[in-house]
Amino acid sequence: MAAMRYRLTFVAGVALGYVLGTRAGRERYEQLKKSARQFAQNPAVRNTAESAAQQGREIAGKAYHVVSEKVGDRVPESVAERVRSLRERNANGSAGDDWGTSDT
């Protein structure tokens, strides 16, 4: 009888700990989510990310030229088409790209 009582107390304690832990975990998750959203919406962070994306596109275009000179016609047409479309977007001053960044 005493062993059953201890098991029941143990199970009740585990259940209570689980409920309290998940509630605290959810609150912490919401807090982290809010902090991440505020960080991502910070103008300085957005500008830095957009600058990095722009530099990445420029470097990719330069790398494409170097590689295409060395491999010639062996560059797949899909790759060449993608690079051309990115160049056209940049030349036209189009805001945004496939990754959700913009040129602001």
PDB file of N, CA and C in Angstrom:
ATOM      1  N   MET A   1       0.816  -1.182   0.000  1.00  0.00           N
ATOM      2  CA  MET A   1       0.000   0.000   0.000  1.00  0.00           C
ATOM      3  C   MET A   1       0.866   1.255   0.000  1.00  0.00           C
ATOM      4  N   ALA A   2       1.935   1.249   0.768  1.00  0.00           N
ATOM      5  CA  ALA A   2       2.812   2.406   0.848  1.00  0.00           C
ATOM      6  C   ALA A   2       3.537   2.616  -0.485  1.00  0.00           C
ATOM      7  N   ALA A   3       3.901   1.510  -1.173  1.00  0.00           N
ATOM      8  CA  ALA A   3       4.583   1.622  -2.464  1.00  0.00           C
ATOM      9  C   ALA A   3       3.649   2.261  -3.495  1.00  0.00           C
ATOM     10  N   MET A   4       2.383   1.912  -3.445  1.00  0.00           N
ATOM     11  CA  MET A   4       1.404   2.483  -4.366  1.00  0.00           C
ATOM     12  C   MET A   4       1.249   3.983  -4.119  1.00  0.00           C
ATOM     13  N   ARG A   5       1.277   4.344  -2.858  1.00  0.00           N
ATOM     14  CA  ARG A   5       1.137   5.756  -2.500  1.00  0.00           C
ATOM     15  C   ARG A   5       2.332   6.561  -3.021  1.00  0.00           C
ATOM     16  N   TYR A   6       3.538   5.996  -2.898  1.00  0.00           N
ATOM     17  CA  TYR A   6       4.728   6.674  -3.387  1.00  0.00           C
ATOM     18  C   TYR A   6       4.714   6.790  -4.909  1.00  0.00           C
ATOM     19  N   ARG A   7       4.263   5.747  -5.586  1.00  0.00           N
ATOM     20  CA  ARG A   7       4.159   5.793  -7.048  1.00  0.00           C
ATOM     21  C   ARG A   7       3.169   6.861  -7.481  1.00  0.00           C
ATOM     22  N   LEU A   8       2.041   6.906  -6.806  1.00  0.00           N
ATOM     23  CA  LEU A   8       1.028   7.890  -7.149  1.00  0.00           C
ATOM     24  C   LEU A   8       1.554   9.305  -6.912  1.00  0.00           C
ATOM     25  N   THR A   9       2.262   9.506  -5.811  1.00  0.00           N
ATOM     26  CA  THR A   9       2.858  10.804  -5.522  1.00  0.00           C
ATOM     27  C   THR A   9       3.904  11.154  -6.580  1.00  0.00           C
ATOM     28  N   PHE A  10       4.706  10.159  -6.950  1.00  0.00           N
ATOM     29  CA  PHE A  10       5.732  10.379  -7.968  1.00  0.00           C
ATOM     30  C   PHE A  10       5.096  10.756  -9.315  1.00  0.00           C
ATOM     31  N   VAL A  11       4.079  10.024  -9.745  1.00  0.00           N
ATOM     32  CA  VAL A  11       3.393  10.304 -11.015  1.00  0.00           C
ATOM     33  C   VAL A  11       2.743  11.688 -10.972  1.00  0.00           C
ATOM     34  N   ALA A  12       2.129  12.032  -9.850  1.00  0.00           N
ATOM     35  CA  ALA A  12       1.514  13.357  -9.726  1.00  0.00           C
ATOM     36  C   ALA A  12       2.584  14.451  -9.810  1.00  0.00           C
ATOM     37  N   GLY A  13       3.729  14.219  -9.202  1.00  0.00           N
ATOM     38  CA  GLY A  13       4.823  15.187  -9.249  1.00  0.00           C
ATOM     39  C   GLY A  13       5.372  15.352 -10.669  1.00  0.00           C
ATOM     40  N   VAL A  14       5.511  14.241 -11.366  1.00  0.00           N
ATOM     41  CA  VAL A  14       5.985  14.302 -12.748  1.00  0.00           C
ATOM     42  C   VAL A  14       4.973  15.066 -13.611  1.00  0.00           C
ATOM     43  N   ALA A  15       3.691  14.771 -13.456  1.00  0.00           N
ATOM     44  CA  ALA A  15       2.659  15.449 -14.237  1.00  0.00           C
ATOM     45  C   ALA A  15       2.654  16.955 -13.941  1.00  0.00           C
ATOM     46  N   LEU A  16       2.746  17.315 -12.675  1.00  0.00           N
ATOM     47  CA  LEU A  16       2.767  18.719 -12.297  1.00  0.00           C
ATOM     48  C   LEU A  16       4.018  19.413 -12.854  1.00  0.00           C
ATOM     49  N   GLY A  17       5.152  18.761 -12.767  1.00  0.00           N
ATOM     50  CA  GLY A  17       6.388  19.307 -13.318  1.00  0.00           C
ATOM     51  C   GLY A  17       6.305  19.491 -14.818  1.00  0.00           C
ATOM     52  N   TYR A  18       5.694  18.530 -15.489  1.00  0.00           N
ATOM     53  CA  TYR A  18       5.534  18.628 -16.944  1.00  0.00           C
ATOM     54  C   TYR A  18       4.668  19.830 -17.317  1.00  0.00           C
ATOM     55  N   VAL A  19       3.531  19.966 -16.627  1.00  0.00           N
ATOM     56  CA  VAL A  19       2.613  21.070 -16.932  1.00  0.00           C
ATOM     57  C   VAL A  19       3.289  22.410 -16.675  1.00  0.00           C
ATOM     58  N   LEU A  20       3.936  22.546 -15.525  1.00  0.00           N
ATOM     59  CA  LEU A  20       4.609  23.807 -15.206  1.00  0.00           C
ATOM     60  C   LEU A  20       5.780  24.072 -16.151  1.00  0.00           C
ATOM     61  N   GLY A  21       6.491  23.035 -16.501  1.00  0.00           N
ATOM     62  CA  GLY A  21       7.623  23.178 -17.416  1.00  0.00           C
ATOM     63  C   GLY A  21       7.190  23.588 -18.806  1.00  0.00           C
ATOM     64  N   THR A  22       6.114  22.996 -19.309  1.00  0.00           N
ATOM     65  CA  THR A  22       5.660  23.375 -20.646  1.00  0.00           C
ATOM     66  C   THR A  22       5.118  24.790 -20.656  1.00  0.00           C
ATOM     67  N   ARG A  23       4.460  25.187 -19.585  1.00  0.00           N
ATOM     68  CA  ARG A  23       3.950  26.565 -19.517  1.00  0.00           C
ATOM     69  C   ARG A  23       5.118  27.546 -19.500  1.00  0.00           C
ATOM     70  N   ALA A  24       6.121  27.273 -18.681  1.00  0.00           N
ATOM     71  CA  ALA A  24       7.301  28.137 -18.619  1.00  0.00           C
ATOM     72  C   ALA A  24       8.049  28.101 -19.949  1.00  0.00           C
ATOM     73  N   GLY A  25       8.101  26.927 -20.565  1.00  0.00           N
ATOM     74  CA  GLY A  25       8.765  26.793 -21.855  1.00  0.00           C
ATOM     75  C   GLY A  25       8.066  27.596 -22.929  1.00  0.00           C
ATOM     76  N   ARG A  26       6.762  27.579 -22.926  1.00  0.00           N
ATOM     77  CA  ARG A  26       5.996  28.336 -23.916  1.00  0.00           C
ATOM     78  C   ARG A  26       6.206  29.839 -23.730  1.00  0.00           C
ATOM     79  N   GLU A  27       6.223  30.286 -22.486  1.00  0.00           N
ATOM     80  CA  GLU A  27       6.451  31.708 -22.222  1.00  0.00           C
ATOM     81  C   GLU A  27       7.844  32.120 -22.702  1.00  0.00           C
ATOM     82  N   ARG A  28       8.829  31.277 -22.446  1.00  0.00           N
ATOM     83  CA  ARG A  28      10.198  31.585 -22.889  1.00  0.00           C
ATOM     84  C   ARG A  28      10.272  31.574 -24.414  1.00  0.00           C
ATOM     85  N   TYR A  29       9.581  30.636 -25.045  1.00  0.00           N
ATOM     86  CA  TYR A  29       9.544  30.570 -26.503  1.00  0.00           C
ATOM     87  C   TYR A  29       8.952  31.862 -27.081  1.00  0.00           C
ATOM     88  N   GLU A  30       7.843  32.306 -26.509  1.00  0.00           N
ATOM     89  CA  GLU A  30       7.209  33.542 -26.983  1.00  0.00           C
ATOM     90  C   GLU A  30       8.137  34.734 -26.780  1.00  0.00           C
ATOM     91  N   GLN A  31       8.852  34.754 -25.658  1.00  0.00           N
ATOM     92  CA  GLN A  31       9.785  35.834 -25.384  1.00  0.00           C
ATOM     93  C   GLN A  31      10.927  35.831 -26.411  1.00  0.00           C
ATOM     94  N   LEU A  32      11.470  34.658 -26.711  1.00  0.00           N
ATOM     95  CA  LEU A  32      12.539  34.557 -27.702  1.00  0.00           C
ATOM     96  C   LEU A  32      12.036  34.945 -29.088  1.00  0.00           C
ATOM     97  N   LYS A  33      10.818  34.534 -29.415  1.00  0.00           N
ATOM     98  CA  LYS A  33      10.235  34.861 -30.720  1.00  0.00           C
ATOM     99  C   LYS A  33      10.077  36.376 -30.868  1.00  0.00           C
ATOM    100  N   LYS A  34       9.609  37.025 -29.813  1.00  0.00           N
ATOM    101  CA  LYS A  34       9.434  38.476 -29.837  1.00  0.00           C
ATOM    102  C   LYS A  34      10.785  39.171 -29.998  1.00  0.00           C
ATOM    103  N   SER A  35      11.792  38.704 -29.286  1.00  0.00           N
ATOM    104  CA  SER A  35      13.132  39.293 -29.388  1.00  0.00           C
ATOM    105  C   SER A  35      13.699  39.115 -30.791  1.00  0.00           C
ATOM    106  N   ALA A  36      13.512  37.941 -31.376  1.00  0.00           N
ATOM    107  CA  ALA A  36      14.006  37.686 -32.731  1.00  0.00           C
ATOM    108  C   ALA A  36      13.305  38.586 -33.738  1.00  0.00           C
ATOM    109  N   ARG A  37      12.007  38.786 -33.578  1.00  0.00           N
ATOM    110  CA  ARG A  37      11.245  39.651 -34.484  1.00  0.00           C
ATOM    111  C   ARG A  37      11.749  41.095 -34.375  1.00  0.00           C
ATOM    112  N   GLN A  38      11.965  41.572 -33.145  1.00  0.00           N
ATOM    113  CA  GLN A  38      12.466  42.930 -32.948  1.00  0.00           C
ATOM    114  C   GLN A  38      13.861  43.086 -33.557  1.00  0.00           C
ATOM    115  N   PHE A  39      14.699  42.079 -33.396  1.00  0.00           N
ATOM    116  CA  PHE A  39      16.040  42.108 -33.953  1.00  0.00           C
ATOM    117  C   PHE A  39      15.986  42.174 -35.475  1.00  0.00           C
ATOM    118  N   ALA A  40      15.144  41.348 -36.077  1.00  0.00           N
ATOM    119  CA  ALA A  40      15.040  41.296 -37.542  1.00  0.00           C
ATOM    120  C   ALA A  40      14.450  42.581 -38.108  1.00  0.00           C
ATOM    121  N   GLN A  41      13.620  43.277 -37.346  1.00  0.00           N
ATOM    122  CA  GLN A  41      13.000  44.499 -37.834  1.00  0.00           C
ATOM    123  C   GLN A  41      13.849  45.745 -37.561  1.00  0.00           C
ATOM    124  N   ASN A  42      14.939  45.586 -36.878  1.00  0.00           N
ATOM    125  CA  ASN A  42      15.832  46.706 -36.592  1.00  0.00           C
ATOM    126  C   ASN A  42      16.405  47.220 -37.918  1.00  0.00           C
ATOM    127  N   PRO A  43      16.284  48.530 -38.190  1.00  0.00           N
ATOM    128  CA  PRO A  43      16.763  49.080 -39.464  1.00  0.00           C
ATOM    129  C   PRO A  43      18.248  48.798 -39.726  1.00  0.00           C
ATOM    130  N   ALA A  44      19.061  48.856 -38.707  1.00  0.00           N
ATOM    131  CA  ALA A  44      20.492  48.599 -38.902  1.00  0.00           C
ATOM    132  C   ALA A  44      20.726  47.154 -39.339  1.00  0.00           C
ATOM    133  N   VAL A  45      20.003  46.224 -38.732  1.00  0.00           N
ATOM    134  CA  VAL A  45      20.137  44.811 -39.089  1.00  0.00           C
ATOM    135  C   VAL A  45      19.654  44.584 -40.511  1.00  0.00           C
ATOM    136  N   ARG A  46      18.506  45.177 -40.848  1.00  0.00           N
ATOM    137  CA  ARG A  46      17.953  45.017 -42.200  1.00  0.00           C
ATOM    138  C   ARG A  46      18.909  45.585 -43.249  1.00  0.00           C
ATOM    139  N   ASN A  47      19.462  46.780 -42.990  1.00  0.00           N
ATOM    140  CA  ASN A  47      20.395  47.379 -43.945  1.00  0.00           C
ATOM    141  C   ASN A  47      21.641  46.528 -44.124  1.00  0.00           C
ATOM    142  N   THR A  48      22.155  45.990 -43.027  1.00  0.00           N
ATOM    143  CA  THR A  48      23.335  45.135 -43.102  1.00  0.00           C
ATOM    144  C   THR A  48      23.034  43.877 -43.901  1.00  0.00           C
ATOM    145  N   ALA A  49      21.885  43.265 -43.651  1.00  0.00           N
ATOM    146  CA  ALA A  49      21.515  42.056 -44.390  1.00  0.00           C
ATOM    147  C   ALA A  49      21.328  42.355 -45.874  1.00  0.00           C
ATOM    148  N   GLU A  50      20.721  43.476 -46.181  1.00  0.00           N
ATOM    149  CA  GLU A  50      20.502  43.846 -47.579  1.00  0.00           C
ATOM    150  C   GLU A  50      21.822  44.168 -48.277  1.00  0.00           C
ATOM    151  N   SER A  51      22.729  44.830 -47.566  1.00  0.00           N
ATOM    152  CA  SER A  51      24.050  45.117 -48.134  1.00  0.00           C
ATOM    153  C   SER A  51      24.807  43.822 -48.408  1.00  0.00           C
ATOM    154  N   ALA A  52      24.734  42.904 -47.470  1.00  0.00           N
ATOM    155  CA  ALA A  52      25.406  41.612 -47.652  1.00  0.00           C
ATOM    156  C   ALA A  52      24.816  40.852 -48.840  1.00  0.00           C
ATOM    157  N   ALA A  53      23.499  40.911 -48.998  1.00  0.00           N
ATOM    158  CA  ALA A  53      22.858  40.237 -50.128  1.00  0.00           C
ATOM    159  C   ALA A  53      23.299  40.864 -51.445  1.00  0.00           C
ATOM    160  N   GLN A  54      23.371  42.185 -51.487  1.00  0.00           N
ATOM    161  CA  GLN A  54      23.808  42.890 -52.694  1.00  0.00           C
ATOM    162  C   GLN A  54      25.250  42.524 -53.030  1.00  0.00           C
ATOM    163  N   GLN A  55      26.115  42.529 -52.032  1.00  0.00           N
ATOM    164  CA  GLN A  55      27.515  42.165 -52.258  1.00  0.00           C
ATOM    165  C   GLN A  55      27.623  40.720 -52.726  1.00  0.00           C
ATOM    166  N   GLY A  56      26.808  39.863 -52.164  1.00  0.00           N
ATOM    167  CA  GLY A  56      26.806  38.458 -52.585  1.00  0.00           C
ATOM    168  C   GLY A  56      26.423  38.310 -54.048  1.00  0.00           C
ATOM    169  N   ARG A  57      25.413  39.072 -54.476  1.00  0.00           N
ATOM    170  CA  ARG A  57      25.009  39.018 -55.885  1.00  0.00           C
ATOM    171  C   ARG A  57      26.126  39.522 -56.794  1.00  0.00           C
ATOM    172  N   GLU A  58      26.798  40.609 -56.375  1.00  0.00           N
ATOM    173  CA  GLU A  58      27.892  41.150 -57.180  1.00  0.00           C
ATOM    174  C   GLU A  58      29.044  40.158 -57.279  1.00  0.00           C
ATOM    175  N   ILE A  59      29.407  39.562 -56.166  1.00  0.00           N
ATOM    176  CA  ILE A  59      30.505  38.593 -56.150  1.00  0.00           C
ATOM    177  C   ILE A  59      30.138  37.368 -56.981  1.00  0.00           C
ATOM    178  N   ALA A  60      28.883  36.926 -56.884  1.00  0.00           N
ATOM    179  CA  ALA A  60      28.451  35.775 -57.677  1.00  0.00           C
ATOM    180  C   ALA A  60      28.546  36.082 -59.163  1.00  0.00           C
ATOM    181  N   GLY A  61      28.182  37.292 -59.557  1.00  0.00           N
ATOM    182  CA  GLY A  61      28.288  37.676 -60.969  1.00  0.00           C
ATOM    183  C   GLY A  61      29.726  37.677 -61.447  1.00  0.00           C
ATOM    184  N   LYS A  62      30.627  38.204 -60.626  1.00  0.00           N
ATOM    185  CA  LYS A  62      32.052  38.218 -60.989  1.00  0.00           C
ATOM    186  C   LYS A  62      32.599  36.795 -61.059  1.00  0.00           C
ATOM    187  N   ALA A  63      32.209  35.973 -60.085  1.00  0.00           N
ATOM    188  CA  ALA A  63      32.671  34.583 -60.072  1.00  0.00           C
ATOM    189  C   ALA A  63      32.158  33.840 -61.304  1.00  0.00           C
ATOM    190  N   TYR A  64      30.934  34.139 -61.703  1.00  0.00           N
ATOM    191  CA  TYR A  64      30.372  33.495 -62.892  1.00  0.00           C
ATOM    192  C   TYR A  64      31.224  33.821 -64.110  1.00  0.00           C
ATOM    193  N   HIS A  65      31.638  35.089 -64.246  1.00  0.00           N
ATOM    194  CA  HIS A  65      32.473  35.469 -65.392  1.00  0.00           C
ATOM    195  C   HIS A  65      33.788  34.699 -65.395  1.00  0.00           C
ATOM    196  N   VAL A  66      34.434  34.637 -64.236  1.00  0.00           N
ATOM    197  CA  VAL A  66      35.719  33.945 -64.144  1.00  0.00           C
ATOM    198  C   VAL A  66      35.549  32.474 -64.490  1.00  0.00           C
ATOM    199  N   VAL A  67      34.524  31.851 -63.918  1.00  0.00           N
ATOM    200  CA  VAL A  67      34.301  30.431 -64.165  1.00  0.00           C
ATOM    201  C   VAL A  67      33.903  30.188 -65.612  1.00  0.00           C
ATOM    202  N   SER A  68      33.028  31.036 -66.166  1.00  0.00           N
ATOM    203  CA  SER A  68      32.570  30.814 -67.534  1.00  0.00           C
ATOM    204  C   SER A  68      33.702  30.984 -68.536  1.00  0.00           C
ATOM    205  N   GLU A  69      34.680  31.857 -68.238  1.00  0.00           N
ATOM    206  CA  GLU A  69      35.841  31.987 -69.117  1.00  0.00           C
ATOM    207  C   GLU A  69      36.664  30.706 -69.124  1.00  0.00           C
ATOM    208  N   LYS A  70      36.718  30.043 -67.978  1.00  0.00           N
ATOM    209  CA  LYS A  70      37.544  28.839 -67.876  1.00  0.00           C
ATOM    210  C   LYS A  70      36.841  27.593 -68.405  1.00  0.00           C
ATOM    211  N   VAL A  71      35.510  27.519 -68.235  1.00  0.00           N
ATOM    212  CA  VAL A  71      34.812  26.303 -68.660  1.00  0.00           C
ATOM    213  C   VAL A  71      34.035  26.496 -69.952  1.00  0.00           C
ATOM    214  N   GLY A  72      33.936  27.726 -70.417  1.00  0.00           N
ATOM    215  CA  GLY A  72      33.302  27.996 -71.706  1.00  0.00           C
ATOM    216  C   GLY A  72      31.843  27.598 -71.747  1.00  0.00           C
ATOM    217  N   ASP A  73      31.481  26.845 -72.753  1.00  0.00           N
ATOM    218  CA  ASP A  73      30.085  26.467 -72.988  1.00  0.00           C
ATOM    219  C   ASP A  73      29.596  25.352 -72.066  1.00  0.00           C
ATOM    220  N   ARG A  74      30.408  24.907 -71.172  1.00  0.00           N
ATOM    221  CA  ARG A  74      30.002  23.817 -70.284  1.00  0.00           C
ATOM    222  C   ARG A  74      29.145  24.282 -69.111  1.00  0.00           C
ATOM    223  N   VAL A  75      28.930  25.601 -68.987  1.00  0.00           N
ATOM    224  CA  VAL A  75      28.059  26.124 -67.929  1.00  0.00           C
ATOM    225  C   VAL A  75      26.617  25.795 -68.323  1.00  0.00           C
ATOM    226  N   PRO A  76      25.860  25.146 -67.443  1.00  0.00           N
ATOM    227  CA  PRO A  76      24.471  24.805 -67.777  1.00  0.00           C
ATOM    228  C   PRO A  76      23.654  26.055 -68.091  1.00  0.00           C
ATOM    229  N   GLU A  77      22.771  25.936 -69.048  1.00  0.00           N
ATOM    230  CA  GLU A  77      21.952  27.072 -69.466  1.00  0.00           C
ATOM    231  C   GLU A  77      21.115  27.599 -68.306  1.00  0.00           C
ATOM    232  N   SER A  78      20.662  26.717 -67.407  1.00  0.00           N
ATOM    233  CA  SER A  78      19.851  27.174 -66.278  1.00  0.00           C
ATOM    234  C   SER A  78      20.646  28.125 -65.384  1.00  0.00           C
ATOM    235  N   VAL A  79      21.935  27.851 -65.202  1.00  0.00           N
ATOM    236  CA  VAL A  79      22.785  28.725 -64.385  1.00  0.00           C
ATOM    237  C   VAL A  79      22.986  30.057 -65.098  1.00  0.00           C
ATOM    238  N   ALA A  80      23.288  29.993 -66.383  1.00  0.00           N
ATOM    239  CA  ALA A  80      23.498  31.220 -67.150  1.00  0.00           C
ATOM    240  C   ALA A  80      22.233  32.077 -67.158  1.00  0.00           C
ATOM    241  N   GLU A  81      21.081  31.441 -67.290  1.00  0.00           N
ATOM    242  CA  GLU A  81      19.808  32.170 -67.297  1.00  0.00           C
ATOM    243  C   GLU A  81      19.555  32.848 -65.951  1.00  0.00           C
ATOM    244  N   ARG A  82      19.844  32.164 -64.874  1.00  0.00           N
ATOM    245  CA  ARG A  82      19.649  32.725 -63.530  1.00  0.00           C
ATOM    246  C   ARG A  82      20.543  33.940 -63.314  1.00  0.00           C
ATOM    247  N   VAL A  83      21.785  33.853 -63.740  1.00  0.00           N
ATOM    248  CA  VAL A  83      22.709  34.972 -63.581  1.00  0.00           C
ATOM    249  C   VAL A  83      22.233  36.159 -64.411  1.00  0.00           C
ATOM    250  N   ARG A  84      21.786  35.904 -65.643  1.00  0.00           N
ATOM    251  CA  ARG A  84      21.283  36.994 -66.480  1.00  0.00           C
ATOM    252  C   ARG A  84      20.084  37.678 -65.830  1.00  0.00           C
ATOM    253  N   SER A  85      19.175  36.884 -65.259  1.00  0.00           N
ATOM    254  CA  SER A  85      17.991  37.482 -64.637  1.00  0.00           C
ATOM    255  C   SER A  85      18.375  38.321 -63.420  1.00  0.00           C
ATOM    256  N   LEU A  86      19.349  37.873 -62.648  1.00  0.00           N
ATOM    257  CA  LEU A  86      19.808  38.663 -61.500  1.00  0.00           C
ATOM    258  C   LEU A  86      20.475  39.953 -61.953  1.00  0.00           C
ATOM    259  N   ARG A  87      21.246  39.881 -63.016  1.00  0.00           N
ATOM    260  CA  ARG A  87      21.893  41.088 -63.535  1.00  0.00           C
ATOM    261  C   ARG A  87      20.854  42.085 -64.018  1.00  0.00           C
ATOM    262  N   GLU A  88      19.825  41.587 -64.702  1.00  0.00           N
ATOM    263  CA  GLU A  88      18.781  42.473 -65.206  1.00  0.00           C
ATOM    264  C   GLU A  88      18.044  43.146 -64.051  1.00  0.00           C
ATOM    265  N   ARG A  89      17.762  42.398 -63.011  1.00  0.00           N
ATOM    266  CA  ARG A  89      17.104  42.990 -61.837  1.00  0.00           C
ATOM    267  C   ARG A  89      17.953  44.098 -61.247  1.00  0.00           C
ATOM    268  N   ASN A  90      19.248  43.831 -61.106  1.00  0.00           N
ATOM    269  CA  ASN A  90      20.149  44.836 -60.522  1.00  0.00           C
ATOM    270  C   ASN A  90      20.281  46.046 -61.438  1.00  0.00           C
ATOM    271  N   ALA A  91      20.341  45.822 -62.743  1.00  0.00           N
ATOM    272  CA  ALA A  91      20.483  46.928 -63.692  1.00  0.00           C
ATOM    273  C   ALA A  91      19.220  47.787 -63.725  1.00  0.00           C
ATOM    274  N   ASN A  92      18.056  47.166 -63.555  1.00  0.00           N
ATOM    275  CA  ASN A  92      16.793  47.897 -63.587  1.00  0.00           C
ATOM    276  C   ASN A  92      16.456  48.530 -62.242  1.00  0.00           C
ATOM    277  N   GLY A  93      17.255  48.286 -61.233  1.00  0.00           N
ATOM    278  CA  GLY A  93      16.991  48.851 -59.911  1.00  0.00           C
ATOM    279  C   GLY A  93      15.784  48.233 -59.243  1.00  0.00           C
ATOM    280  N   SER A  94      15.473  47.010 -59.595  1.00  0.00           N
ATOM    281  CA  SER A  94      14.316  46.327 -59.027  1.00  0.00           C
ATOM    282  C   SER A  94      14.569  46.015 -57.562  1.00  0.00           C
ATOM    283  N   ALA A  95      13.607  46.350 -56.719  1.00  0.00           N
ATOM    284  CA  ALA A  95      13.735  46.072 -55.288  1.00  0.00           C
ATOM    285  C   ALA A  95      13.304  44.654 -55.007  1.00  0.00           C
ATOM    286  N   GLY A  96      14.069  43.985 -54.161  1.00  0.00           N
ATOM    287  CA  GLY A  96      13.686  42.650 -53.727  1.00  0.00           C
ATOM    288  C   GLY A  96      14.376  41.570 -54.533  1.00  0.00           C
ATOM    289  N   ASP A  97      14.406  40.392 -53.959  1.00  0.00           N
ATOM    290  CA  ASP A  97      14.913  39.225 -54.655  1.00  0.00           C
ATOM    291  C   ASP A  97      14.208  38.008 -54.112  1.00  0.00           C
ATOM    292  N   ASP A  98      14.668  36.834 -54.500  1.00  0.00           N
ATOM    293  CA  ASP A  98      14.001  35.605 -54.101  1.00  0.00           C
ATOM    294  C   ASP A  98      14.108  35.301 -52.610  1.00  0.00           C
ATOM    295  N   TRP A  99      14.977  36.029 -51.908  1.00  0.00           N
ATOM    296  CA  TRP A  99      15.177  35.743 -50.493  1.00  0.00           C
ATOM    297  C   TRP A  99      14.505  36.769 -49.595  1.00  0.00           C
ATOM    298  N   GLY A 100      13.678  37.618 -50.143  1.00  0.00           N
ATOM    299  CA  GLY A 100      12.912  38.548 -49.328  1.00  0.00           C
ATOM    300  C   GLY A 100      13.641  39.803 -48.931  1.00  0.00           C
ATOM    301  N   THR A 101      14.796  40.057 -49.539  1.00  0.00           N
ATOM    302  CA  THR A 101      15.502  41.291 -49.219  1.00  0.00           C
ATOM    303  C   THR A 101      15.176  42.317 -50.285  1.00  0.00           C
ATOM    304  N   SER A 102      15.458  43.554 -49.990  1.00  0.00           N
ATOM    305  CA  SER A 102      15.209  44.622 -50.953  1.00  0.00           C
ATOM    306  C   SER A 102      16.423  45.528 -51.017  1.00  0.00           C
ATOM    307  N   ASP A 103      16.474  46.378 -52.021  1.00  0.00           N
ATOM    308  CA  ASP A 103      17.599  47.288 -52.193  1.00  0.00           C
ATOM    309  C   ASP A 103      17.332  48.637 -51.559  1.00  0.00           C
ATOM    310  N   THR A 104      16.925  48.654 -50.309  1.00  0.00           N
ATOM    311  CA  THR A 104      16.624  49.912 -49.627  1.00  0.00           C
ATOM    312  C   THR A 104      17.715  50.258 -48.655  1.00  0.00           C
TER     313      THR A 104
END
